[in-house]
C-alpha atoms as a PDB file:
ATOM      1  CA  MET A   1      14.422   7.306  32.223  1.00  0.00           C
ATOM      2  CA  CYS A   2      13.587   4.340  34.123  1.00  0.00           C
ATOM      3  CA  LEU A   3      10.033   3.072  34.564  1.00  0.00           C
ATOM      4  CA  LYS A   4      10.304   0.120  37.665  1.00  0.00           C
ATOM      5  CA  PRO A   5      11.195  -2.502  35.599  1.00  0.00           C
ATOM      6  CA  LEU A   6       9.517  -6.096  36.591  1.00  0.00           C
ATOM      7  CA  ILE A   7      10.558  -9.652  36.241  1.00  0.00           C
ATOM      8  CA  LYS A   8      12.984  -9.734  33.310  1.00  0.00           C
ATOM      9  CA  ASP A   9      10.593 -11.369  30.905  1.00  0.00           C
ATOM     10  CA  HIS A  10       8.095  -8.706  31.282  1.00  0.00           C
ATOM     11  CA  SER A  11      10.842  -5.682  31.148  1.00  0.00           C
ATOM     12  CA  ILE A  12      11.803  -4.039  27.774  1.00  0.00           C
ATOM     13  CA  LEU A  13      14.559  -2.065  27.058  1.00  0.00           C
ATOM     14  CA  VAL A  14      13.981   0.793  24.636  1.00  0.00           C
ATOM     15  CA  ILE A  15      16.581   2.831  23.341  1.00  0.00           C
ATOM     16  CA  GLY A  16      17.506   5.246  20.276  1.00  0.00           C
ATOM     17  CA  ASP A  17      18.183   9.173  19.863  1.00  0.00           C
ATOM     18  CA  SER A  18      15.659  11.966  20.820  1.00  0.00           C
ATOM     19  CA  HIS A  19      12.720   9.661  19.315  1.00  0.00           C
ATOM     20  CA  ALA A  20      12.771   7.144  22.023  1.00  0.00           C
ATOM     21  CA  ALA A  21      13.142  10.140  24.328  1.00  0.00           C
ATOM     22  CA  GLN A  22      10.080  11.681  23.019  1.00  0.00           C
ATOM     23  CA  LEU A  23       8.236   8.385  23.758  1.00  0.00           C
ATOM     24  CA  ASN A  24       8.792   8.504  27.742  1.00  0.00           C
ATOM     25  CA  ILE A  25       4.887   9.643  28.382  1.00  0.00           C
ATOM     26  CA  TYR A  26       3.684   7.195  25.269  1.00  0.00           C
ATOM     27  CA  PHE A  27       5.729   3.893  27.013  1.00  0.00           C
ATOM     28  CA  ASP A  28       4.796   5.461  31.210  1.00  0.00           C
ATOM     29  CA  THR A  29       1.136   4.979  29.553  1.00  0.00           C
ATOM     30  CA  LEU A  30       1.522   1.613  28.368  1.00  0.00           C
ATOM     31  CA  GLN A  31       3.009   0.439  31.360  1.00  0.00           C
ATOM     32  CA  LEU A  32       0.113   1.351  33.478  1.00  0.00           C
ATOM     33  CA  LYS A  33      -2.223  -0.697  31.288  1.00  0.00           C
ATOM     34  CA  SER A  34       0.136  -3.823  30.636  1.00  0.00           C
ATOM     35  CA  SER A  35       2.386  -6.125  32.766  1.00  0.00           C
ATOM     36  CA  TYR A  36       4.980  -4.753  30.921  1.00  0.00           C
ATOM     37  CA  SER A  37       7.329  -1.824  32.065  1.00  0.00           C
ATOM     38  CA  PHE A  38       9.992  -0.020  30.123  1.00  0.00           C
ATOM     39  CA  ASN A  39      13.686   1.356  30.394  1.00  0.00           C
ATOM     40  CA  ILE A  40      14.281   4.343  28.130  1.00  0.00           C
ATOM     41  CA  ILE A  41      17.924   4.796  27.518  1.00  0.00           C
ATOM     42  CA  SER A  42      18.608   7.476  24.655  1.00  0.00           C
ATOM     43  CA  SER A  43      21.074   9.845  23.544  1.00  0.00           C
ATOM     44  CA  SER A  44      20.591  13.261  21.715  1.00  0.00           C
ATOM     45  CA  SER A  45      21.122  12.952  17.821  1.00  0.00           C
ATOM     46  CA  CYS A  46      22.592   8.883  18.636  1.00  0.00           C
ATOM     47  CA  LEU A  47      21.946   5.510  17.765  1.00  0.00           C
ATOM     48  CA  PRO A  48      23.466   4.790  21.621  1.00  0.00           C
ATOM     49  CA  ILE A  49      25.247   1.586  19.572  1.00  0.00           C
ATOM     50  CA  GLN A  50      28.524   0.217  19.544  1.00  0.00           C
ATOM     51  CA  ASN A  51      30.802   2.032  16.401  1.00  0.00           C
ATOM     52  CA  PHE A  52      28.027   4.624  16.011  1.00  0.00           C
ATOM     53  CA  ASN A  53      29.518   7.166  13.675  1.00  0.00           C
ATOM     54  CA  ILE A  54      29.818   9.663  16.336  1.00  0.00           C
ATOM     55  CA  ASN A  55      32.296  12.464  14.379  1.00  0.00           C
ATOM     56  CA  ASN A  56      29.042  13.254  12.097  1.00  0.00           C
ATOM     57  CA  LEU A  57      27.064  14.431  15.588  1.00  0.00           C
ATOM     58  CA  PRO A  58      27.423  17.911  16.972  1.00  0.00           C
ATOM     59  CA  THR A  59      30.313  18.033  19.548  1.00  0.00           C
ATOM     60  CA  TRP A  60      27.950  18.413  22.704  1.00  0.00           C
ATOM     61  CA  ALA A  61      26.193  15.085  21.845  1.00  0.00           C
ATOM     62  CA  ARG A  62      29.210  12.656  21.280  1.00  0.00           C
ATOM     63  CA  ALA A  63      30.105  12.273  25.348  1.00  0.00           C
ATOM     64  CA  SER A  64      26.762  11.538  26.006  1.00  0.00           C
ATOM     65  CA  CYS A  65      26.678   9.074  22.828  1.00  0.00           C
ATOM     66  CA  THR A  66      29.604   7.229  24.398  1.00  0.00           C
ATOM     67  CA  SER A  67      28.128   6.569  27.558  1.00  0.00           C
ATOM     68  CA  GLN A  68      25.163   5.886  27.070  1.00  0.00           C
ATOM     69  CA  THR A  69      26.184   3.137  24.404  1.00  0.00           C
ATOM     70  CA  LYS A  70      28.006   1.457  27.637  1.00  0.00           C
ATOM     71  CA  VAL A  71      25.419   1.664  29.615  1.00  0.00           C
ATOM     72  CA  ILE A  72      22.897   0.133  27.423  1.00  0.00           C
ATOM     73  CA  GLU A  73      25.906  -2.844  26.726  1.00  0.00           C
ATOM     74  CA  SER A  74      25.966  -3.690  30.409  1.00  0.00           C
ATOM     75  CA  LYS A  75      22.238  -3.654  30.940  1.00  0.00           C
ATOM     76  CA  LEU A  76      21.360  -5.791  27.703  1.00  0.00           C
ATOM     77  CA  ASN A  77      21.314  -9.240  29.417  1.00  0.00           C
ATOM     78  CA  ASN A  78      19.021  -7.681  31.498  1.00  0.00           C
ATOM     79  CA  TYR A  79      15.963  -7.990  29.018  1.00  0.00           C
ATOM     80  CA  ASN A  80      14.309 -10.137  26.278  1.00  0.00           C
ATOM     81  CA  THR A  81      12.955  -7.679  24.412  1.00  0.00           C
ATOM     82  CA  ILE A  82      14.633  -4.207  22.504  1.00  0.00           C
ATOM     83  CA  ILE A  83      12.736  -1.535  21.198  1.00  0.00           C
ATOM     84  CA  ILE A  84      15.037   0.761  18.891  1.00  0.00           C
ATOM     85  CA  ALA A  85      13.171   4.155  17.601  1.00  0.00           C
ATOM     86  CA  GLY A  86      15.409   6.801  16.089  1.00  0.00           C
ATOM     87  CA  LEU A  87      15.265   9.881  13.472  1.00  0.00           C
ATOM     88  CA  TRP A  88      16.056   7.250  10.599  1.00  0.00           C
ATOM     89  CA  SER A  89      15.589   9.507   7.453  1.00  0.00           C
ATOM     90  CA  LYS A  90      19.281  11.676   9.216  1.00  0.00           C
ATOM     91  CA  HIS A  91      20.976   7.705  10.166  1.00  0.00           C
ATOM     92  CA  PHE A  92      20.080   6.339   6.933  1.00  0.00           C
ATOM     93  CA  LYS A  93      22.531   9.659   5.565  1.00  0.00           C
ATOM     94  CA  ASP A  94      25.656   7.429   7.099  1.00  0.00           C
ATOM     95  CA  GLN A  95      26.652   4.256   5.858  1.00  0.00           C
ATOM     96  CA  GLN A  96      29.089   3.678   9.390  1.00  0.00           C
ATOM     97  CA  SER A  97      26.221   3.857  11.405  1.00  0.00           C
ATOM     98  CA  MET A  98      23.742   1.848   9.533  1.00  0.00           C
ATOM     99  CA  THR A  99      26.489  -0.789   9.436  1.00  0.00           C
ATOM    100  CA  ALA A 100      26.812  -0.449  13.138  1.00  0.00           C
ATOM    101  CA  LEU A 101      22.451  -1.118  13.487  1.00  0.00           C
ATOM    102  CA  ASP A 102      22.890  -3.949  11.208  1.00  0.00           C
ATOM    103  CA  ASN A 103      25.668  -5.514  13.358  1.00  0.00           C
ATOM    104  CA  PHE A 104      23.892  -4.896  16.925  1.00  0.00           C
ATOM    105  CA  ILE A 105      20.876  -6.596  15.239  1.00  0.00           C
ATOM    106  CA  GLU A 106      22.568  -9.579  13.971  1.00  0.00           C
ATOM    107  CA  LYS A 107      24.530  -9.893  17.464  1.00  0.00           C
ATOM    108  CA  ASN A 108      21.791  -9.232  19.826  1.00  0.00           C
ATOM    109  CA  LYS A 109      18.797 -10.980  18.125  1.00  0.00           C
ATOM    110  CA  VAL A 110      19.823 -14.452  18.921  1.00  0.00           C
ATOM    111  CA  ASN A 111      18.967 -13.949  22.675  1.00  0.00           C
ATOM    112  CA  HIS A 112      17.049 -11.019  22.305  1.00  0.00           C
ATOM    113  CA  ARG A 113      13.143 -10.244  20.643  1.00  0.00           C
ATOM    114  CA  ILE A 114      14.009  -7.160  18.680  1.00  0.00           C
ATOM    115  CA  ILE A 115      11.419  -4.479  17.339  1.00  0.00           C
ATOM    116  CA  ILE A 116      12.042  -1.330  15.507  1.00  0.00           C
ATOM    117  CA  LEU A 117       9.689   1.700  15.287  1.00  0.00           C
ATOM    118  CA  GLY A 118       9.246   3.469  12.294  1.00  0.00           C
ATOM    119  CA  GLN A 119       9.638   7.272  11.943  1.00  0.00           C
ATOM    120  CA  ILE A 120       6.655   9.101  12.594  1.00  0.00           C
ATOM    121  CA  PRO A 121       5.408  11.409   9.626  1.00  0.00           C
ATOM    122  CA  THR A 122       8.113  14.651  10.048  1.00  0.00           C
ATOM    123  CA  PHE A 123       7.921  18.066   8.414  1.00  0.00           C
ATOM    124  CA  THR A 124      10.142  20.343   6.222  1.00  0.00           C
ATOM    125  CA  LYS A 125       9.358  23.176   8.571  1.00  0.00           C
ATOM    126  CA  ASN A 126       9.410  23.721  12.293  1.00  0.00           C
ATOM    127  CA  ILE A 127       5.625  23.294  13.953  1.00  0.00           C
ATOM    128  CA  ASN A 128       6.080  26.383  16.330  1.00  0.00           C
ATOM    129  CA  ARG A 129       6.557  28.353  13.172  1.00  0.00           C
ATOM    130  CA  ILE A 130       3.649  27.082  11.807  1.00  0.00           C
ATOM    131  CA  GLN A 131       1.357  27.433  15.029  1.00  0.00           C
ATOM    132  CA  HIS A 132       2.428  31.058  15.320  1.00  0.00           C
ATOM    133  CA  PHE A 133       1.476  31.804  11.475  1.00  0.00           C
ATOM    134  CA  GLN A 134      -1.569  29.833  11.700  1.00  0.00           C
ATOM    135  CA  ASN A 135      -2.543  32.485  15.327  1.00  0.00           C
ATOM    136  CA  LEU A 136      -2.131  35.352  12.894  1.00  0.00           C
ATOM    137  CA  HIS A 137      -4.548  33.900  10.795  1.00  0.00           C
ATOM    138  CA  LEU A 138      -2.327  33.046   8.166  1.00  0.00           C
ATOM    139  CA  ASN A 139      -2.199  29.760   6.339  1.00  0.00           C
ATOM    140  CA  PRO A 140       1.100  28.866   5.695  1.00  0.00           C
ATOM    141  CA  LYS A 141       1.953  25.614   3.681  1.00  0.00           C
ATOM    142  CA  ILE A 142       3.656  22.803   5.265  1.00  0.00           C
ATOM    143  CA  SER A 143       4.542  18.878   4.298  1.00  0.00           C
ATOM    144  CA  ILE A 144       5.773  15.635   5.114  1.00  0.00           C
ATOM    145  CA  ASP A 145       9.435  15.247   4.491  1.00  0.00           C
ATOM    146  CA  PRO A 146       9.467  12.531   1.853  1.00  0.00           C
ATOM    147  CA  LEU A 147      12.769  11.051   3.261  1.00  0.00           C
ATOM    148  CA  GLN A 148      10.670   9.871   6.615  1.00  0.00           C
ATOM    149  CA  MET A 149       8.799   7.622   3.866  1.00  0.00           C
ATOM    150  CA  LYS A 150      11.981   6.119   2.266  1.00  0.00           C
ATOM    151  CA  ALA A 151      13.259   5.975   5.607  1.00  0.00           C
ATOM    152  CA  ASN A 152      10.284   3.405   6.419  1.00  0.00           C
ATOM    153  CA  VAL A 153      10.620   1.425   3.275  1.00  0.00           C
ATOM    154  CA  LYS A 154      14.751   0.732   4.150  1.00  0.00           C
ATOM    155  CA  LEU A 155      13.557   0.016   7.815  1.00  0.00           C
ATOM    156  CA  LYS A 156      11.094  -2.508   6.297  1.00  0.00           C
ATOM    157  CA  GLU A 157      13.693  -4.101   4.190  1.00  0.00           C
ATOM    158  CA  ILE A 158      16.238  -4.153   7.174  1.00  0.00           C
ATOM    159  CA  SER A 159      14.199  -5.877   9.478  1.00  0.00           C
ATOM    160  CA  GLN A 160      12.751  -8.593   6.733  1.00  0.00           C
ATOM    161  CA  ARG A 161      16.406  -9.146   6.162  1.00  0.00           C
ATOM    162  CA  HIS A 162      17.078 -10.102   9.847  1.00  0.00           C
ATOM    163  CA  ASP A 163      13.982 -11.590  10.567  1.00  0.00           C
ATOM    164  CA  ILE A 164      12.909  -9.203  13.087  1.00  0.00           C
ATOM    165  CA  GLU A 165       9.531  -6.793  13.760  1.00  0.00           C
ATOM    166  CA  PHE A 166       8.844  -3.741  12.057  1.00  0.00           C
ATOM    167  CA  ILE A 167       6.274  -1.558  13.216  1.00  0.00           C
ATOM    168  CA  ASN A 168       5.506   1.412  11.379  1.00  0.00           C
ATOM    169  CA  PHE A 169       2.698   3.680  12.526  1.00  0.00           C
ATOM    170  CA  SER A 170       3.189   6.526  10.267  1.00  0.00           C
ATOM    171  CA  ASN A 171       0.290   5.462   8.411  1.00  0.00           C
ATOM    172  CA  ASN A 172      -2.045   5.732  11.603  1.00  0.00           C
ATOM    173  CA  HIS A 173      -5.589   7.369  11.063  1.00  0.00           C
ATOM    174  CA  PHE A 174      -3.650   9.409  14.554  1.00  0.00           C
ATOM    175  CA  PHE A 175      -1.672  11.021  11.584  1.00  0.00           C
ATOM    176  CA  ASN A 176      -4.421  11.601   9.065  1.00  0.00           C
ATOM    177  CA  ASN A 177      -4.496  15.803   9.998  1.00  0.00           C
ATOM    178  CA  VAL A 178      -0.816  16.505  11.305  1.00  0.00           C
ATOM    179  CA  PRO A 179       0.393  18.292  12.932  1.00  0.00           C
ATOM    180  CA  LYS A 180      -2.963  17.950  14.652  1.00  0.00           C
ATOM    181  CA  PHE A 181      -4.876  15.520  16.523  1.00  0.00           C
ATOM    182  CA  ASN A 182      -8.305  16.640  17.583  1.00  0.00           C
ATOM    183  CA  ASP A 183      -7.916  20.185  16.638  1.00  0.00           C
ATOM    184  CA  LYS A 184      -4.727  20.253  18.842  1.00  0.00           C
ATOM    185  CA  PHE A 185      -1.036  20.898  17.822  1.00  0.00           C
ATOM    186  CA  ILE A 186       0.660  17.406  18.835  1.00  0.00           C
ATOM    187  CA  TYR A 187       4.358  18.338  17.562  1.00  0.00           C
ATOM    188  CA  TYR A 188       7.048  19.977  19.615  1.00  0.00           C
ATOM    189  CA  ASP A 189       9.352  20.880  16.288  1.00  0.00           C
ATOM    190  CA  SER A 190       9.331  19.338  12.979  1.00  0.00           C
ATOM    191  CA  ASN A 191       9.917  15.887  13.914  1.00  0.00           C
ATOM    192  CA  HIS A 192       9.146  15.518  17.794  1.00  0.00           C
ATOM    193  CA  LEU A 193       6.136  14.852  19.260  1.00  0.00           C
ATOM    194  CA  ASN A 194       5.235  17.032  22.339  1.00  0.00           C
ATOM    195  CA  GLU A 195       3.973  15.698  25.601  1.00  0.00           C
ATOM    196  CA  LEU A 196       0.093  15.910  24.495  1.00  0.00           C
ATOM    197  CA  GLY A 197       0.963  14.050  21.337  1.00  0.00           C
ATOM    198  CA  SER A 198       3.207  11.222  22.828  1.00  0.00           C
ATOM    199  CA  LYS A 199       0.117  10.834  25.144  1.00  0.00           C
ATOM    200  CA  TYR A 200      -2.381  10.611  22.291  1.00  0.00           C
ATOM    201  CA  TYR A 201      -0.591   8.326  20.259  1.00  0.00           C
ATOM    202  CA  ALA A 202      -0.030   5.810  23.080  1.00  0.00           C
ATOM    203  CA  GLU A 203      -3.641   6.215  23.123  1.00  0.00           C
ATOM    204  CA  ALA A 204      -3.898   5.868  19.242  1.00  0.00           C
ATOM    205  CA  THR A 205      -1.475   2.864  18.636  1.00  0.00           C
ATOM    206  CA  GLY A 206      -0.770   1.530  22.096  1.00  0.00           C
ATOM    207  CA  ASN A 207      -2.764  -1.662  21.960  1.00  0.00           C
ATOM    208  CA  GLU A 208      -1.556  -2.659  18.572  1.00  0.00           C
ATOM    209  CA  LEU A 209       2.086  -2.406  19.674  1.00  0.00           C
ATOM    210  CA  LEU A 210       0.863  -4.435  23.080  1.00  0.00           C
ATOM    211  CA  ASN A 211       0.085  -7.440  20.920  1.00  0.00           C
ATOM    212  CA  VAL A 212       3.286  -7.621  19.096  1.00  0.00           C
ATOM    213  CA  LEU A 213       4.974  -7.615  22.278  1.00  0.00           C
ATOM    214  CA  ASN A 214       2.134 -10.637  23.411  1.00  0.00           C
ATOM    215  CA  LYS A 215       2.787 -12.494  20.417  1.00  0.00           C
ATOM    216  CA  LEU A 216       6.428 -12.300  20.623  1.00  0.00           C
ATOM    217  CA  GLN A 217       6.557 -13.410  24.048  1.00  0.00           C
ATOM    218  CA  ILE A 218       4.029 -16.458  22.972  1.00  0.00           C
ATOM    219  CA  ASN A 219       6.464 -17.510  20.491  1.00  0.00           C
ATOM    220  CA  THR A 220       9.418 -17.657  22.469  1.00  0.00           C
ATOM    221  CA  LEU A 221       7.448 -19.694  25.151  1.00  0.00           C
ATOM    222  CA  LEU A 222       6.504 -22.156  22.355  1.00  0.00           C
ATOM    223  CA  ASN A 223       9.768 -22.020  20.950  1.00  0.00           C
ATOM    224  CA  SER A 224      11.247 -22.797  24.309  1.00  0.00           C
ATOM    225  CA  TYR A 225       9.044 -25.975  25.208  1.00  0.00           C
ATOM    226  CA  SER A 226       9.255 -27.209  21.763  1.00  0.00           C
ATOM    227  CA  ILE A 227      13.319 -27.234  22.520  1.00  0.00           C
ATOM    228  CA  ASP A 228      12.616 -28.665  25.954  1.00  0.00           C
ATOM    229  CA  ASP A 229      10.602 -31.695  24.146  1.00  0.00           C
ATOM    230  CA  ARG A 230      13.598 -32.379  21.421  1.00  0.00           C
ATOM    231  CA  ARG A 231      16.068 -32.592  24.632  1.00  0.00           C
ATOM    232  CA  ARG A 232      13.832 -35.341  26.145  1.00  0.00           C
END
């Protein structure tokens, strides 16, 4: 999905698996209230970056992963800022894919501002089934997958090691009563927001993300001026 890119410095590339794709409405909402535009390029089950381990993907997902990786590589120079989102609790199980992420960040952080989005709370059961049982006036137990929390701890370590931004909204008040918000179900399944959830998520956390984008842009400008002064 491409949302009307503007000038290069205000256009942001969002990449990842379906956890990036679930944020289409999120970034559409942010685009309407800011000077930024967002181009989302995603591939199901896959981080579309070079050397990601496609052998662990379902057969039907491999071709898309490979093609989207090529698309992203061809477009990277059009953007100053890259946001990466993913089902990290799954990807951290594969060392080759995590090495690919490390290499991607190290290679691109010189010429790009990179932000990693933490994994939203995910569940051990499909929310559709929970909703069905609740409609029958039953009260099934539901719990957040502990691997999600461990993944976010690892993401913070990676971001600190590479000196890039890590934004973790999983403890935001928006998720206090998951899988509901304002008494409405906001999840599509065990780990994806539905369209309503994506919209509410933007309203709850969007300003914080925009503040980070603004800060990164200001720091880049200040560094640029500093370099120009030294050259004089």
